[in-house]
Amino acid sequence: MEGPVSILTVAEMAAADRAAIEAGTTGLTLMERAGGAVADAICTRFKPCRTLVLAGPGNNGGDAYVVARRLGERGFAVRLEAAGPPRTEDAKAMAAAWGGETRPLRGGFGDAELVVVGLFGAGLDRPLTGEALRLAWASERTPERVVAIDLPSGLSGDAARPVGEAAFHAGLTVTFHRRKAAHVLQPGRDLCGEVVVADIGLGEPRTQLFENTPELWLRKLPWPRNVAHKHSRGRLIVVSGEAWRTGAARLAARAGLRIGAGLVTLLSPLDALAVNAAHLEAVMLAPFETDQELAQAAEAAEAAVIGPAAGVTDDTLANVLALARTGAALIIDADALTVFRDDPRELFDLLDRDDVLTPHPGEFERVFPGLLKSAANKVEAAREAANRAGAVVLIKGADTVIAAPDGRAAVNLNGAPWLATAGSGDVLAGFIGGLVAQGMDSFEAACAAVWIHAACGADFGPGLIAEDLPDLAPKALAALLMLRQGGRP
């Protein structure tokens, strides 16, 4: 199994290019490899057809000239339009090597069956205007026939959003060496369509941002040994809401048990005992009446989940404060986050680096007001939040981001739209709690739980409800065990 796959900033990618050139690989060679990779990706997906190639003045345009030449050699009827003459030496050389006719941008696709866009690269810092902007608007109607070189022109590589009014919409984006933020964060991720990462022979710069794949955490995923018993596999507690708000906590508790925690206890207010008892089997049940009793019951646990349907009440606030006095790692979700909206510092002061916060964007705004808007992108918002809180922060969404106080961050790529259903987040909190209870590092546990959660959603597909998710975990875990042992899931 290979190691974790990094995600690069625009500056880190530029540094990788420079390092390769300084080591003896010419810029022309890298450009030829990049354009060739785009042409190869196109030829595996499209038959020869009428093709419009759009070339900009920089090195992204240089790649486009290579693509035009390579596709022409393979039988595509290529028309090339340029946004002015090439400005870099490498792009000038590739424009000369193209040899075909070059026309100015016309603002429309005409009769083209395929459009290859290489107008501006990831470092674009000004909005599209004129004919380029009109072409970007045109791409919204038929993105399936648009191929972007590196990333859709008009999209900021780091901010992952259009620089101005619009960016191109692509059905296929071919990028080089590693994904950038624009390929993994919304809305850039949707603008890119399918993303192919081509190897053009660059080295690996040092970074702390990774794709959330099993390579990042699989070796740390806990598996029971032959001498294991339920106490050695970790003890997790989950705090229930009141009698009419108990389902969310039960979902989290079952998820923690399914993902491997040896002993899971649902701690229940007295008025909810009968309701919970009627629905529980392997999950244990214990009562508590005060926050002191809750803390006492949690004292032996390795991890505690609080927040799912807990209620935005003074009792929930007192319960979080009580759990923070125990040795358990806290997974704080939903209502247990919202109760701190008037004084987030009170929350941060009681956390440590083993704790995990799991907000969706609305909850994130309550605890970290303005940060999502002011940060460069969602990754930087999560990193800053983790730094402020001194804990792992997970911002849920189609582009879930996980960040640790030490700067590590990961973006999840296997998300499934079927997870957009009530209770799905409660199951995720339980998965995280179950892994942390087994001794897994909280950042890696959160990453693993997010990936497994998404894999379960994708496996079930249409019709998924949250109750299905815990029972899908064994199949995902079995595939991961096979992968760890050197097989294929």
Protein backbone atom coordinates (compact mmCIF):
# COMPACT_ATOMS: atom_id res chain seq x y z
CA MET A 1 0.00 0.00 0.00
CA GLU A 2 1.36 3.41 -0.98
CA GLY A 3 1.56 6.35 1.39
CA PRO A 4 -0.87 9.25 1.85
CA VAL A 5 -1.58 11.43 -1.18
CA SER A 6 -1.04 15.13 -0.66
CA ILE A 7 -3.12 18.06 -1.89
CA LEU A 8 -1.02 21.05 -2.94
CA THR A 9 -1.42 24.78 -2.88
CA VAL A 10 -0.64 26.73 -6.03
CA ALA A 11 2.66 27.82 -4.49
CA GLU A 12 3.60 24.25 -3.57
CA MET A 13 2.87 23.08 -7.11
CA ALA A 14 4.99 25.90 -8.53
CA ALA A 15 7.79 24.88 -6.18
CA ALA A 16 7.57 21.29 -7.42
CA ASP A 17 7.86 22.55 -11.01
CA ARG A 18 10.89 24.68 -10.13
CA ALA A 19 12.57 21.83 -8.28
CA ALA A 20 12.17 19.53 -11.28
CA ILE A 21 13.61 22.15 -13.63
CA GLU A 22 16.52 22.85 -11.28
CA ALA A 23 17.18 19.10 -11.17
CA GLY A 24 17.54 19.01 -14.96
CA THR A 25 14.06 18.47 -16.44
CA THR A 26 13.31 21.30 -18.85
CA GLY A 27 10.10 23.30 -18.76
CA LEU A 28 9.42 22.18 -22.33
CA THR A 29 9.63 18.55 -21.25
CA LEU A 30 7.17 19.12 -18.42
CA MET A 31 4.81 20.96 -20.79
CA GLU A 32 5.02 18.15 -23.34
CA ARG A 33 4.25 15.59 -20.64
CA ALA A 34 1.32 17.64 -19.35
CA GLY A 35 -0.25 18.17 -22.75
CA GLY A 36 0.34 14.55 -23.66
CA ALA A 37 -1.41 13.42 -20.49
CA VAL A 38 -4.45 15.55 -21.33
CA ALA A 39 -4.56 14.16 -24.86
CA ASP A 40 -4.30 10.59 -23.52
CA ALA A 41 -7.17 11.16 -21.10
CA ILE A 42 -9.29 12.59 -23.90
CA CYS A 43 -8.56 9.71 -26.25
CA THR A 44 -9.64 7.14 -23.67
CA ARG A 45 -13.03 8.88 -23.34
CA PHE A 46 -13.81 10.43 -26.74
CA LYS A 47 -13.60 9.29 -30.33
CA PRO A 48 -12.03 11.69 -32.88
CA CYS A 49 -14.42 14.59 -33.40
CA ARG A 50 -14.61 18.30 -34.12
CA THR A 51 -12.54 19.84 -31.30
CA LEU A 52 -12.06 23.42 -30.21
CA VAL A 53 -8.91 24.11 -28.17
CA LEU A 54 -8.76 27.39 -26.24
CA ALA A 55 -5.24 28.61 -25.44
CA GLY A 56 -4.23 31.39 -23.08
CA PRO A 57 -1.02 33.42 -23.08
CA GLY A 58 0.74 31.60 -20.24
CA ASN A 59 1.94 28.07 -19.58
CA ASN A 60 -1.62 26.77 -19.30
CA GLY A 61 -1.97 27.93 -22.89
CA GLY A 62 1.32 26.24 -23.72
CA ASP A 63 -0.18 22.96 -22.51
CA ALA A 64 -3.18 23.65 -24.76
CA TYR A 65 -0.96 23.96 -27.86
CA VAL A 66 0.52 20.56 -27.03
CA VAL A 67 -2.97 19.06 -26.65
CA ALA A 68 -4.04 20.52 -30.01
CA ARG A 69 -1.01 19.02 -31.75
CA ARG A 70 -1.36 15.62 -30.08
CA LEU A 71 -5.10 15.37 -30.82
CA GLY A 72 -4.53 16.39 -34.42
CA GLU A 73 -2.01 13.57 -34.75
CA ARG A 74 -4.70 11.14 -33.53
CA GLY A 75 -7.36 12.12 -36.02
CA PHE A 76 -9.27 14.86 -34.20
CA ALA A 77 -10.37 17.81 -36.34
CA VAL A 78 -8.81 20.56 -34.23
CA ARG A 79 -9.56 24.28 -34.32
CA LEU A 80 -7.45 26.45 -32.01
CA GLU A 81 -8.44 29.85 -30.67
CA ALA A 82 -6.06 31.93 -28.54
CA ALA A 83 -6.54 34.75 -26.04
CA GLY A 84 -3.63 36.68 -27.48
CA PRO A 85 -0.08 35.64 -28.33
CA PRO A 86 1.90 33.41 -25.95
CA ARG A 87 4.04 35.27 -23.43
CA THR A 88 6.32 32.65 -21.88
CA GLU A 89 9.22 31.13 -23.76
CA ASP A 90 7.91 27.59 -23.34
CA ALA A 91 4.44 28.57 -24.54
CA LYS A 92 5.95 30.34 -27.57
CA ALA A 93 7.86 27.19 -28.46
CA MET A 94 4.76 25.02 -28.21
CA ALA A 95 2.71 27.48 -30.25
CA ALA A 96 5.34 27.24 -32.99
CA ALA A 97 5.31 23.44 -32.78
CA TRP A 98 1.52 23.39 -33.15
CA GLY A 99 1.84 24.45 -36.75
CA GLY A 100 -1.88 24.81 -37.40
CA GLU A 101 -4.03 27.90 -37.78
CA THR A 102 -4.58 30.01 -34.66
CA ARG A 103 -7.62 32.27 -34.48
CA PRO A 104 -8.71 34.79 -31.85
CA LEU A 105 -11.39 33.85 -29.31
CA ARG A 106 -14.91 34.12 -30.75
CA GLY A 107 -17.01 33.81 -27.59
CA GLY A 108 -18.86 30.65 -28.59
CA PHE A 109 -18.28 26.96 -29.23
CA GLY A 110 -19.69 26.90 -32.76
CA ASP A 111 -20.03 23.36 -34.09
CA ALA A 112 -17.39 21.89 -31.76
CA GLU A 113 -18.27 18.52 -30.27
CA LEU A 114 -15.43 18.77 -27.74
CA VAL A 115 -13.89 21.85 -26.12
CA VAL A 116 -10.48 21.79 -24.43
CA VAL A 117 -9.87 24.79 -22.18
CA GLY A 118 -6.35 26.01 -21.39
CA LEU A 119 -6.87 29.75 -21.04
CA PHE A 120 -5.66 30.44 -17.50
CA GLY A 121 -4.11 28.25 -14.83
CA ALA A 122 -4.48 27.77 -11.08
CA GLY A 123 -2.73 31.02 -10.20
CA LEU A 124 -5.29 33.27 -11.90
CA ASP A 125 -5.81 36.45 -9.86
CA ARG A 126 -8.20 38.44 -12.06
CA PRO A 127 -11.73 37.77 -13.34
CA LEU A 128 -12.52 36.44 -16.77
CA THR A 129 -13.72 39.18 -19.12
CA GLY A 130 -14.86 39.61 -22.70
CA GLU A 131 -14.82 36.56 -24.94
CA ALA A 132 -13.35 34.34 -22.21
CA LEU A 133 -16.24 35.18 -19.89
CA ARG A 134 -18.81 34.51 -22.63
CA LEU A 135 -17.18 31.13 -23.28
CA ALA A 136 -17.32 30.32 -19.56
CA TRP A 137 -21.05 31.07 -19.53
CA ALA A 138 -21.50 28.90 -22.63
CA SER A 139 -19.78 25.97 -20.88
CA GLU A 140 -22.54 25.88 -18.23
CA ARG A 141 -24.97 24.52 -20.83
CA THR A 142 -22.87 21.53 -21.93
CA PRO A 143 -20.13 20.79 -19.38
CA GLU A 144 -20.02 17.15 -20.47
CA ARG A 145 -18.18 18.16 -23.64
CA VAL A 146 -15.68 20.45 -21.89
CA VAL A 147 -12.21 19.28 -20.80
CA ALA A 148 -10.17 21.56 -18.54
CA ILE A 149 -6.39 21.60 -18.49
CA ASP A 150 -5.21 21.64 -14.85
CA LEU A 151 -8.46 23.25 -13.67
CA PRO A 152 -11.38 25.11 -15.23
CA SER A 153 -10.19 28.55 -16.34
CA GLY A 154 -11.51 31.32 -14.12
CA LEU A 155 -11.32 29.18 -10.98
CA SER A 156 -8.88 30.07 -8.20
CA GLY A 157 -6.63 27.12 -7.46
CA ASP A 158 -6.41 27.93 -3.74
CA ALA A 159 -9.76 29.56 -2.99
CA ALA A 160 -11.68 26.89 -4.95
CA ARG A 161 -14.19 29.42 -6.26
CA PRO A 162 -14.43 31.62 -9.35
CA VAL A 163 -12.22 34.71 -9.23
CA GLY A 164 -14.98 36.84 -10.75
CA GLU A 165 -18.47 36.33 -12.15
CA ALA A 166 -17.90 32.88 -13.58
CA ALA A 167 -15.50 30.07 -14.33
CA PHE A 168 -15.70 27.29 -16.87
CA HIS A 169 -17.76 24.17 -16.13
CA ALA A 170 -16.00 20.96 -17.14
CA GLY A 171 -17.02 17.33 -17.34
CA LEU A 172 -13.36 16.29 -17.15
CA THR A 173 -10.35 18.03 -15.61
CA VAL A 174 -6.84 16.68 -16.10
CA THR A 175 -4.43 18.01 -13.52
CA PHE A 176 -0.79 17.24 -12.89
CA HIS A 177 1.11 15.61 -10.05
CA ARG A 178 -1.42 16.24 -7.25
CA ARG A 179 -4.88 17.71 -6.74
CA LYS A 180 -5.16 21.31 -5.59
CA ALA A 181 -7.78 22.84 -3.32
CA ALA A 182 -9.97 23.75 -6.30
CA HIS A 183 -10.28 20.06 -7.21
CA VAL A 184 -11.51 18.95 -3.79
CA LEU A 185 -13.40 21.87 -2.20
CA GLN A 186 -16.77 23.25 -3.23
CA PRO A 187 -17.79 24.94 -5.43
CA GLY A 188 -14.63 24.24 -7.42
CA ARG A 189 -15.06 20.50 -7.07
CA ASP A 190 -18.37 20.57 -8.95
CA LEU A 191 -16.93 22.81 -11.67
CA CYS A 192 -14.14 20.29 -12.33
CA GLY A 193 -16.27 17.23 -13.04
CA GLU A 194 -14.20 14.05 -13.14
CA VAL A 195 -10.62 14.77 -12.06
CA VAL A 196 -7.71 12.79 -13.50
CA VAL A 197 -4.31 13.26 -11.86
CA ALA A 198 -1.44 12.69 -14.30
CA ASP A 199 2.12 11.91 -13.26
CA ILE A 200 4.55 14.21 -15.08
CA GLY A 201 7.64 13.31 -13.08
CA LEU A 202 7.68 15.83 -10.23
CA GLY A 203 8.97 15.30 -6.71
CA GLU A 204 6.89 15.54 -3.52
CA PRO A 205 7.05 18.83 -1.61
CA ARG A 206 6.42 18.75 2.12
CA THR A 207 2.81 19.46 3.03
CA GLN A 208 0.30 18.70 5.76
CA LEU A 209 -2.81 18.55 3.59
CA PHE A 210 -3.92 15.16 2.30
CA GLU A 211 -6.65 13.33 0.45
CA ASN A 212 -8.67 11.39 3.00
CA THR A 213 -8.08 7.89 1.72
CA PRO A 214 -7.19 4.68 3.63
CA GLU A 215 -3.50 5.27 2.91
CA LEU A 216 -3.66 8.12 5.42
CA TRP A 217 -4.89 6.07 8.41
CA LEU A 218 -5.31 2.37 7.60
CA ARG A 219 -2.18 1.25 9.44
CA LYS A 220 -3.53 2.89 12.61
CA LEU A 221 -7.04 1.43 12.35
CA PRO A 222 -7.57 -0.78 15.44
CA TRP A 223 -8.13 -4.51 15.02
CA PRO A 224 -8.72 -6.91 17.93
CA ARG A 225 -5.98 -9.36 18.86
CA ASN A 226 -6.65 -12.98 19.74
CA VAL A 227 -6.54 -12.16 23.46
CA ALA A 228 -8.96 -9.23 23.16
CA HIS A 229 -11.98 -8.85 25.42
CA LYS A 230 -14.72 -6.24 25.52
CA HIS A 231 -12.95 -3.96 27.99
CA SER A 232 -9.69 -4.05 26.05
CA ARG A 233 -11.51 -2.94 22.89
CA GLY A 234 -12.53 0.36 24.42
CA ARG A 235 -15.41 1.81 26.37
CA LEU A 236 -17.62 4.45 24.81
CA ILE A 237 -20.46 6.40 26.39
CA VAL A 238 -23.16 8.31 24.55
CA VAL A 239 -25.40 10.85 26.26
CA SER A 240 -29.10 10.56 25.43
CA GLY A 241 -31.54 13.42 25.03
CA GLU A 242 -34.86 13.61 26.82
CA ALA A 243 -37.68 11.09 26.33
CA TRP A 244 -38.92 12.54 23.04
CA ARG A 245 -35.38 13.08 21.68
CA THR A 246 -33.64 9.73 22.13
CA GLY A 247 -33.19 8.32 18.63
CA ALA A 248 -30.11 10.34 17.68
CA ALA A 249 -28.10 9.12 20.65
CA ARG A 250 -29.10 5.52 19.97
CA LEU A 251 -27.89 5.88 16.40
CA ALA A 252 -24.53 7.14 17.67
CA ALA A 253 -24.29 4.35 20.25
CA ARG A 254 -25.03 1.61 17.73
CA ALA A 255 -22.51 3.12 15.33
CA GLY A 256 -19.83 3.10 18.02
CA LEU A 257 -20.52 -0.55 18.74
CA ARG A 258 -20.52 -1.55 15.07
CA ILE A 259 -17.20 0.13 14.40
CA GLY A 260 -15.54 -1.94 17.09
CA ALA A 261 -15.83 -0.38 20.55
CA GLY A 262 -16.03 -3.28 22.99
CA LEU A 263 -18.52 -1.78 25.41
CA VAL A 264 -20.95 1.04 24.63
CA THR A 265 -23.23 2.56 27.25
CA LEU A 266 -26.07 4.95 26.62
CA LEU A 267 -26.35 7.31 29.59
CA SER A 268 -29.96 8.34 29.86
CA PRO A 269 -31.97 10.94 31.79
CA LEU A 270 -34.50 9.23 34.05
CA ASP A 271 -37.51 10.21 31.95
CA ALA A 272 -35.95 8.57 28.86
CA LEU A 273 -34.95 5.25 30.44
CA ALA A 274 -38.06 3.33 29.43
CA VAL A 275 -37.96 4.62 25.85
CA ASN A 276 -34.29 3.73 25.44
CA ALA A 277 -34.64 0.35 27.16
CA ALA A 278 -37.33 -0.64 24.67
CA HIS A 279 -34.92 -0.14 21.74
CA LEU A 280 -31.55 -1.36 23.00
CA GLU A 281 -29.92 -4.77 22.89
CA ALA A 282 -26.12 -4.95 22.87
CA VAL A 283 -25.80 -1.28 23.81
CA MET A 284 -25.91 -0.98 27.59
CA LEU A 285 -28.11 1.51 29.43
CA ALA A 286 -27.45 3.50 32.59
CA PRO A 287 -29.35 6.35 34.24
CA PHE A 288 -28.10 9.73 35.38
CA GLU A 289 -29.96 12.54 37.05
CA THR A 290 -27.32 15.27 37.52
CA ASP A 291 -24.19 16.36 35.72
CA GLN A 292 -22.15 14.99 38.66
CA GLU A 293 -23.71 11.57 38.17
CA LEU A 294 -22.96 11.79 34.46
CA ALA A 295 -19.30 12.55 35.15
CA GLN A 296 -19.09 9.65 37.58
CA ALA A 297 -20.63 7.24 35.07
CA ALA A 298 -18.21 8.43 32.37
CA GLU A 299 -15.08 8.19 34.51
CA ALA A 300 -14.03 4.77 33.18
CA ALA A 301 -14.76 5.52 29.52
CA GLU A 302 -12.12 6.21 26.90
CA ALA A 303 -14.47 8.36 24.79
CA ALA A 304 -17.80 10.13 25.14
CA VAL A 305 -20.24 11.40 22.50
CA ILE A 306 -22.50 14.29 23.49
CA GLY A 307 -24.74 16.50 21.43
CA PRO A 308 -27.03 14.41 19.18
CA ALA A 309 -30.55 15.67 20.05
CA ALA A 310 -29.25 16.71 23.47
CA GLY A 311 -31.21 19.96 23.45
CA VAL A 312 -29.82 23.50 23.52
CA THR A 313 -30.29 23.82 27.27
CA ASP A 314 -28.45 24.66 30.46
CA ASP A 315 -28.44 20.93 31.25
CA THR A 316 -26.52 20.17 28.06
CA LEU A 317 -24.00 22.89 28.90
CA ALA A 318 -23.55 21.47 32.40
CA ASN A 319 -23.17 17.96 30.99
CA VAL A 320 -20.39 19.01 28.59
CA LEU A 321 -18.56 20.76 31.40
CA ALA A 322 -18.92 17.66 33.59
CA LEU A 323 -17.60 15.31 30.90
CA ALA A 324 -14.61 17.59 30.36
CA ARG A 325 -13.56 16.87 33.94
CA THR A 326 -13.25 13.15 33.17
CA GLY A 327 -10.46 11.42 31.31
CA ALA A 328 -12.66 10.64 28.31
CA ALA A 329 -11.95 12.09 24.89
CA LEU A 330 -15.00 14.11 23.87
CA ILE A 331 -16.81 14.00 20.55
CA ILE A 332 -18.95 17.13 20.66
CA ASP A 333 -21.69 17.40 18.09
CA ALA A 334 -24.86 19.32 17.26
CA ASP A 335 -26.62 20.82 20.30
CA ALA A 336 -23.55 20.44 22.49
CA LEU A 337 -21.79 22.88 20.16
CA THR A 338 -24.67 25.30 19.84
CA VAL A 339 -24.96 25.78 23.62
CA PHE A 340 -21.62 27.63 23.45
CA ARG A 341 -22.68 30.10 20.74
CA ASP A 342 -22.69 33.05 23.16
CA ASP A 343 -19.28 32.20 24.62
CA PRO A 344 -17.20 29.89 22.38
CA ARG A 345 -14.11 30.58 24.50
CA GLU A 346 -15.76 28.70 27.35
CA LEU A 347 -15.80 25.64 25.11
CA PHE A 348 -12.23 26.08 23.90
CA ASP A 349 -10.90 26.43 27.43
CA LEU A 350 -12.13 22.97 28.42
CA LEU A 351 -10.95 21.08 25.32
CA ASP A 352 -7.73 19.23 24.64
CA ARG A 353 -6.13 17.84 21.49
CA ASP A 354 -7.87 14.45 21.84
CA ASP A 355 -11.33 16.01 21.60
CA VAL A 356 -13.25 16.28 18.33
CA LEU A 357 -15.77 18.91 17.24
CA THR A 358 -18.09 17.84 14.41
CA PRO A 359 -20.08 20.87 13.18
CA HIS A 360 -21.96 21.29 9.95
CA PRO A 361 -21.39 24.77 8.44
CA GLY A 362 -24.26 26.35 10.39
CA GLU A 363 -22.96 25.04 13.71
CA PHE A 364 -19.44 26.04 12.72
CA GLU A 365 -20.64 29.63 12.20
CA ARG A 366 -22.14 29.69 15.70
CA VAL A 367 -18.88 28.63 17.36
CA PHE A 368 -16.43 30.29 14.93
CA PRO A 369 -18.43 33.29 13.64
CA GLY A 370 -17.25 34.72 10.34
CA LEU A 371 -14.35 32.30 9.93
CA LEU A 372 -15.68 30.39 6.91
CA LYS A 373 -16.12 33.67 5.02
CA SER A 374 -12.84 35.26 6.05
CA ALA A 375 -10.55 32.24 5.59
CA ALA A 376 -8.87 31.57 2.26
CA ASN A 377 -10.86 28.34 1.91
CA LYS A 378 -12.59 25.65 3.97
CA VAL A 379 -9.31 23.91 4.80
CA GLU A 380 -7.80 27.08 6.24
CA ALA A 381 -11.01 27.74 8.18
CA ALA A 382 -10.82 24.26 9.70
CA ARG A 383 -7.14 24.68 10.53
CA GLU A 384 -7.70 28.00 12.23
CA ALA A 385 -10.66 26.57 14.13
CA ALA A 386 -8.58 23.61 15.31
CA ASN A 387 -5.86 26.02 16.42
CA ARG A 388 -8.33 28.17 18.37
CA ALA A 389 -10.09 25.21 19.95
CA GLY A 390 -6.96 23.16 20.60
CA ALA A 391 -8.90 20.14 19.31
CA VAL A 392 -9.69 18.28 16.11
CA VAL A 393 -12.32 20.09 14.03
CA LEU A 394 -14.38 18.37 11.35
CA ILE A 395 -16.54 20.54 9.08
CA LYS A 396 -19.17 18.33 7.49
CA GLY A 397 -20.44 18.65 3.94
CA ALA A 398 -19.97 17.29 0.44
CA ASP A 399 -16.31 18.29 0.89
CA THR A 400 -15.83 17.31 4.54
CA VAL A 401 -12.60 18.72 5.97
CA ILE A 402 -10.81 17.39 9.06
CA ALA A 403 -8.10 19.44 10.78
CA ALA A 404 -5.87 18.92 13.81
CA PRO A 405 -4.28 21.54 16.07
CA ASP A 406 -0.82 20.58 14.75
CA GLY A 407 -1.74 21.69 11.22
CA ARG A 408 -2.58 18.32 9.68
CA ALA A 409 -5.67 18.43 7.49
CA ALA A 410 -7.52 16.13 5.12
CA VAL A 411 -10.32 16.53 2.60
CA ASN A 412 -12.74 13.68 2.02
CA LEU A 413 -13.29 12.67 -1.61
CA ASN A 414 -15.64 9.67 -1.40
CA GLY A 415 -18.71 11.54 -0.15
CA ALA A 416 -22.12 10.21 -1.15
CA PRO A 417 -25.24 12.38 -1.66
CA TRP A 418 -27.36 9.66 -0.03
CA LEU A 419 -25.92 10.73 3.33
CA ALA A 420 -28.02 13.91 3.20
CA THR A 421 -30.62 12.44 5.54
CA ALA A 422 -31.62 13.06 9.16
CA GLY A 423 -29.45 11.23 11.67
CA SER A 424 -26.51 10.64 9.34
CA GLY A 425 -24.31 13.00 11.36
CA ASP A 426 -25.23 11.23 14.60
CA VAL A 427 -23.92 7.98 13.14
CA LEU A 428 -20.70 9.72 12.12
CA ALA A 429 -20.22 10.98 15.69
CA GLY A 430 -20.65 7.41 16.93
CA PHE A 431 -18.14 6.07 14.41
CA ILE A 432 -15.58 8.63 15.57
CA GLY A 433 -16.27 7.87 19.22
CA GLY A 434 -15.96 4.13 18.66
CA LEU A 435 -12.56 4.48 16.99
CA VAL A 436 -11.24 6.94 19.57
CA ALA A 437 -12.42 4.59 22.35
CA GLN A 438 -10.22 1.89 20.81
CA GLY A 439 -7.16 4.10 21.17
CA MET A 440 -6.92 5.59 17.71
CA ASP A 441 -5.44 9.09 17.37
CA SER A 442 -8.38 11.50 17.25
CA PHE A 443 -7.42 13.12 13.93
CA GLU A 444 -6.89 9.77 12.24
CA ALA A 445 -10.04 8.39 13.86
CA ALA A 446 -12.08 11.28 12.51
CA CYS A 447 -10.59 10.80 9.04
CA ALA A 448 -11.25 7.06 9.08
CA ALA A 449 -14.79 7.51 10.38
CA VAL A 450 -15.63 10.04 7.67
CA TRP A 451 -14.33 7.74 4.93
CA ILE A 452 -16.11 4.66 6.31
CA HIS A 453 -19.31 6.66 6.78
CA ALA A 454 -19.20 7.79 3.14
CA ALA A 455 -18.34 4.30 1.91
CA CYS A 456 -21.40 2.96 3.72
CA GLY A 457 -23.60 5.60 2.12
CA ALA A 458 -22.28 4.90 -1.34
CA ASP A 459 -22.66 1.14 -0.83
CA PHE A 460 -26.35 1.44 0.07
CA GLY A 461 -27.25 4.16 -2.43
CA PRO A 462 -30.80 5.43 -3.01
CA GLY A 463 -33.24 5.04 -0.17
CA LEU A 464 -30.60 5.22 2.55
CA ILE A 465 -31.75 6.28 6.01
CA ALA A 466 -29.52 6.80 9.03
CA GLU A 467 -30.66 3.57 10.66
CA ASP A 468 -29.04 1.65 7.79
CA LEU A 469 -25.57 3.10 8.28
CA PRO A 470 -24.27 1.29 11.41
CA ASP A 471 -25.09 -2.11 9.95
CA LEU A 472 -23.20 -1.27 6.75
CA ALA A 473 -19.96 -0.69 8.68
CA PRO A 474 -18.92 -4.39 8.88
CA LYS A 475 -18.72 -4.67 5.08
CA ALA A 476 -16.58 -1.53 4.86
CA LEU A 477 -14.34 -2.76 7.69
CA ALA A 478 -13.94 -6.18 6.04
CA ALA A 479 -12.79 -4.48 2.82
CA LEU A 480 -10.30 -2.38 4.79
CA LEU A 481 -8.97 -5.46 6.58
CA MET A 482 -8.40 -7.16 3.25
CA LEU A 483 -6.63 -4.07 1.93
CA ARG A 484 -4.42 -3.97 5.02
CA GLN A 485 -3.50 -7.61 4.49
CA GLY A 486 -2.41 -6.88 0.94
CA GLY A 487 -5.52 -7.88 -0.95
CA ARG A 488 -8.07 -5.84 -2.82
CA PRO A 489 -11.38 -4.83 -1.25
